[in-house]
């Protein structure tokens, strides 16, 4: 009955990914590991912990590493790991034949393509914890004047070139670049 922050273990060989996910999950109890071996050692050392681990997020391209880590933490038979879900972050690729490389479906592993977007990953975590993940917004009451102003703004908005949809601090610069092609 007492709420607690989620406990998340993140494993990635990329320092940038670790920093990004650590920032994304601020407010949660996050442990960062840079290798699968470090992750296994952490799990082994904390298998008798009273603190439950909710998620392991593994950033790795190898399907065999995912299966190996999944089998490892289940072999520990730890109460702290009884409800853990393994989330596999991967970059979607195709083989020379055009078929997806990641066709394996390890039970208990949830796959998520990179890059992880904040809203998408939080929605996934909420869904995996059976929490409501929809937001009900109050209906927007707009007047005829505000509708006309919005229509005018939409009519004046023109983008040139390709636009990359991204998250982060540099988004304003990107939108500025896309809106004013003469400054490229």
Protein backbone atom coordinates (compact mmCIF):
# COMPACT_ATOMS: atom_id res chain seq x y z
CA UNK A 1 0.00 0.00 0.00
CA UNK A 2 3.02 2.28 0.27
CA UNK A 3 4.05 3.71 -3.11
CA UNK A 4 7.68 3.32 -4.06
CA UNK A 5 9.69 4.40 -7.07
CA UNK A 6 10.36 1.80 -9.73
CA UNK A 7 13.68 -0.01 -9.46
CA UNK A 8 15.31 -0.21 -12.90
CA UNK A 9 18.61 -1.82 -13.88
CA UNK A 10 20.00 -0.50 -17.18
CA UNK A 11 22.73 -2.35 -19.07
CA UNK A 12 24.39 -0.74 -22.09
CA UNK A 13 27.92 -0.59 -23.42
CA UNK A 14 27.20 2.98 -24.56
CA UNK A 15 27.96 5.70 -22.00
CA UNK A 16 25.66 8.02 -23.94
CA UNK A 17 22.74 5.60 -23.71
CA UNK A 18 23.37 5.09 -20.00
CA UNK A 19 23.41 8.85 -19.40
CA UNK A 20 20.29 9.36 -21.54
CA UNK A 21 18.29 6.65 -19.76
CA UNK A 22 19.53 7.80 -16.35
CA UNK A 23 18.20 11.29 -17.13
CA UNK A 24 14.96 9.89 -18.56
CA UNK A 25 14.33 7.85 -15.41
CA UNK A 26 15.19 10.59 -12.90
CA UNK A 27 12.96 10.09 -9.88
CA UNK A 28 13.21 6.31 -10.14
CA UNK A 29 15.78 4.08 -8.46
CA UNK A 30 18.16 3.45 -11.38
CA UNK A 31 21.29 1.29 -11.44
CA UNK A 32 23.59 1.60 -14.46
CA UNK A 33 25.87 -1.18 -15.70
CA UNK A 34 28.13 -1.05 -18.74
CA UNK A 35 28.36 -4.77 -19.49
CA UNK A 36 26.33 -7.94 -19.22
CA UNK A 37 28.97 -9.40 -16.91
CA UNK A 38 28.65 -6.39 -14.54
CA UNK A 39 24.87 -6.81 -14.67
CA UNK A 40 25.12 -10.50 -13.76
CA UNK A 41 27.49 -9.73 -10.88
CA UNK A 42 25.09 -7.05 -9.59
CA UNK A 43 22.13 -9.43 -9.78
CA UNK A 44 24.10 -12.20 -8.05
CA UNK A 45 25.25 -9.85 -5.27
CA UNK A 46 21.70 -8.54 -4.68
CA UNK A 47 19.71 -11.74 -5.08
CA UNK A 48 18.84 -11.77 -1.35
CA UNK A 49 17.85 -8.10 -1.31
CA UNK A 50 14.50 -7.10 0.11
CA UNK A 51 14.19 -4.41 -2.57
CA UNK A 52 12.28 -5.69 -5.60
CA UNK A 53 13.69 -5.05 -9.05
CA UNK A 54 10.97 -4.04 -11.52
CA UNK A 55 12.76 -3.84 -14.88
CA UNK A 56 16.03 -4.71 -16.53
CA UNK A 57 16.64 -2.70 -19.67
CA UNK A 58 19.25 -4.30 -21.91
CA UNK A 59 20.64 -2.28 -24.82
CA UNK A 60 22.24 -4.98 -26.97
CA UNK A 61 21.98 -6.20 -30.54
CA UNK A 62 22.55 -9.86 -29.75
CA UNK A 63 19.52 -12.09 -29.32
CA UNK A 64 21.70 -14.71 -27.59
CA UNK A 65 22.80 -12.15 -24.95
CA UNK A 66 19.15 -11.41 -24.19
CA UNK A 67 18.31 -15.09 -23.82
CA UNK A 68 21.44 -15.67 -21.70
CA UNK A 69 20.67 -12.80 -19.30
CA UNK A 70 17.03 -13.87 -19.03
CA UNK A 71 18.02 -17.45 -18.18
CA UNK A 72 20.64 -16.20 -15.70
CA UNK A 73 18.38 -14.05 -13.56
CA UNK A 74 15.66 -16.71 -13.53
CA UNK A 75 18.20 -19.31 -12.40
CA UNK A 76 18.95 -17.22 -9.29
CA UNK A 77 15.45 -18.01 -7.97
CA UNK A 78 15.45 -14.74 -6.04
CA UNK A 79 12.39 -13.15 -4.43
CA UNK A 80 13.80 -9.74 -5.44
CA UNK A 81 13.66 -10.80 -9.11
CA UNK A 82 10.30 -12.58 -9.12
CA UNK A 83 8.41 -9.80 -10.93
CA UNK A 84 11.21 -8.38 -13.09
CA UNK A 85 10.58 -7.78 -16.78
CA UNK A 86 13.46 -7.70 -19.25
CA UNK A 87 13.16 -4.97 -21.89
CA UNK A 88 15.38 -5.48 -24.91
CA UNK A 89 16.38 -2.22 -26.65
CA UNK A 90 17.67 -2.83 -30.15
CA UNK A 91 18.20 -1.12 -33.46
CA UNK A 92 15.95 -2.72 -36.09
CA UNK A 93 17.98 -4.22 -38.91
CA UNK A 94 17.30 -6.50 -41.84
CA UNK A 95 19.36 -9.35 -43.22
CA UNK A 96 20.55 -9.50 -46.81
CA UNK A 97 17.34 -11.35 -47.69
CA UNK A 98 15.25 -8.44 -46.39
CA UNK A 99 13.82 -10.26 -43.37
CA UNK A 100 14.06 -8.80 -39.88
CA UNK A 101 17.04 -10.07 -37.90
CA UNK A 102 15.18 -10.10 -34.56
CA UNK A 103 12.44 -12.67 -35.10
CA UNK A 104 13.03 -14.60 -31.87
CA UNK A 105 10.34 -14.29 -29.24
CA UNK A 106 11.79 -15.14 -25.84
CA UNK A 107 8.89 -15.38 -23.39
CA UNK A 108 9.10 -12.73 -20.67
CA UNK A 109 11.15 -10.36 -22.83
CA UNK A 110 9.62 -7.18 -24.20
CA UNK A 111 11.28 -5.74 -27.28
CA UNK A 112 11.56 -2.03 -27.97
CA UNK A 113 13.23 -0.41 -30.94
CA UNK A 114 15.77 2.34 -30.45
CA UNK A 115 15.78 5.22 -29.89
CA UNK A 116 13.56 4.99 -26.84
CA UNK A 117 11.23 7.99 -26.62
CA UNK A 118 10.22 9.14 -23.16
CA UNK A 119 6.46 8.96 -23.68
CA UNK A 120 6.66 5.60 -25.42
CA UNK A 121 8.84 3.95 -22.79
CA UNK A 122 6.78 5.37 -19.89
CA UNK A 123 3.61 4.13 -21.56
CA UNK A 124 5.20 0.69 -21.96
CA UNK A 125 6.33 0.59 -18.31
CA UNK A 126 2.85 1.65 -17.13
CA UNK A 127 1.27 -1.04 -19.29
CA UNK A 128 3.64 -3.71 -17.95
CA UNK A 129 2.79 -2.69 -14.38
CA UNK A 130 -0.95 -2.66 -15.21
CA UNK A 131 -1.20 1.05 -14.49
CA UNK A 132 -3.54 3.32 -16.41
CA UNK A 133 -1.51 4.89 -19.21
CA UNK A 134 -4.02 7.21 -20.78
CA UNK A 135 -4.51 10.85 -20.00
CA UNK A 136 -7.91 12.45 -20.20
CA UNK A 137 -7.68 16.06 -21.25
CA UNK A 138 -10.38 18.59 -20.60
CA UNK A 139 -12.18 19.61 -23.80
CA UNK A 140 -10.66 22.71 -25.32
CA UNK A 141 -13.18 25.53 -25.58
CA UNK A 142 -12.17 27.85 -28.41
CA UNK A 143 -13.84 30.95 -29.70
CA UNK A 144 -14.34 31.95 -33.32
CA UNK A 145 -11.47 34.43 -32.98
CA UNK A 146 -9.04 31.81 -31.64
CA UNK A 147 -10.11 29.38 -34.40
CA UNK A 148 -9.43 32.04 -37.03
CA UNK A 149 -6.02 32.80 -35.50
CA UNK A 150 -5.12 29.08 -35.46
CA UNK A 151 -6.23 28.69 -39.10
CA UNK A 152 -4.13 31.71 -40.07
CA UNK A 153 -1.09 30.33 -38.25
CA UNK A 154 -1.51 26.95 -39.98
CA UNK A 155 -1.85 28.62 -43.37
CA UNK A 156 1.36 30.63 -42.86
CA UNK A 157 3.41 27.69 -41.61
CA UNK A 158 5.60 26.24 -44.36
CA UNK A 159 8.46 23.81 -43.89
CA UNK A 160 11.22 23.27 -46.44
CA UNK A 161 13.38 20.18 -46.80
CA UNK A 162 13.40 17.12 -44.61
CA UNK A 163 12.46 17.51 -40.97
CA UNK A 164 13.78 15.15 -38.33
CA UNK A 165 11.45 14.61 -35.39
CA UNK A 166 13.60 14.48 -32.27
CA UNK A 167 13.65 15.02 -28.53
CA UNK A 168 16.09 17.18 -26.66
CA UNK A 169 17.47 20.64 -26.20
CA UNK A 170 18.35 21.18 -29.86
CA UNK A 171 14.81 20.80 -31.17
CA UNK A 172 14.25 24.56 -31.40
CA UNK A 173 17.36 24.94 -33.56
CA UNK A 174 16.19 22.11 -35.82
CA UNK A 175 12.75 23.64 -36.30
CA UNK A 176 14.31 27.06 -36.94
CA UNK A 177 16.58 25.52 -39.57
CA UNK A 178 13.64 23.79 -41.24
CA UNK A 179 11.49 26.94 -41.25
CA UNK A 180 14.16 29.34 -42.57
CA UNK A 181 15.97 27.59 -45.46
CA UNK A 182 17.90 30.72 -46.40
CA UNK A 183 20.08 30.25 -43.29
CA UNK A 184 21.29 26.78 -44.21
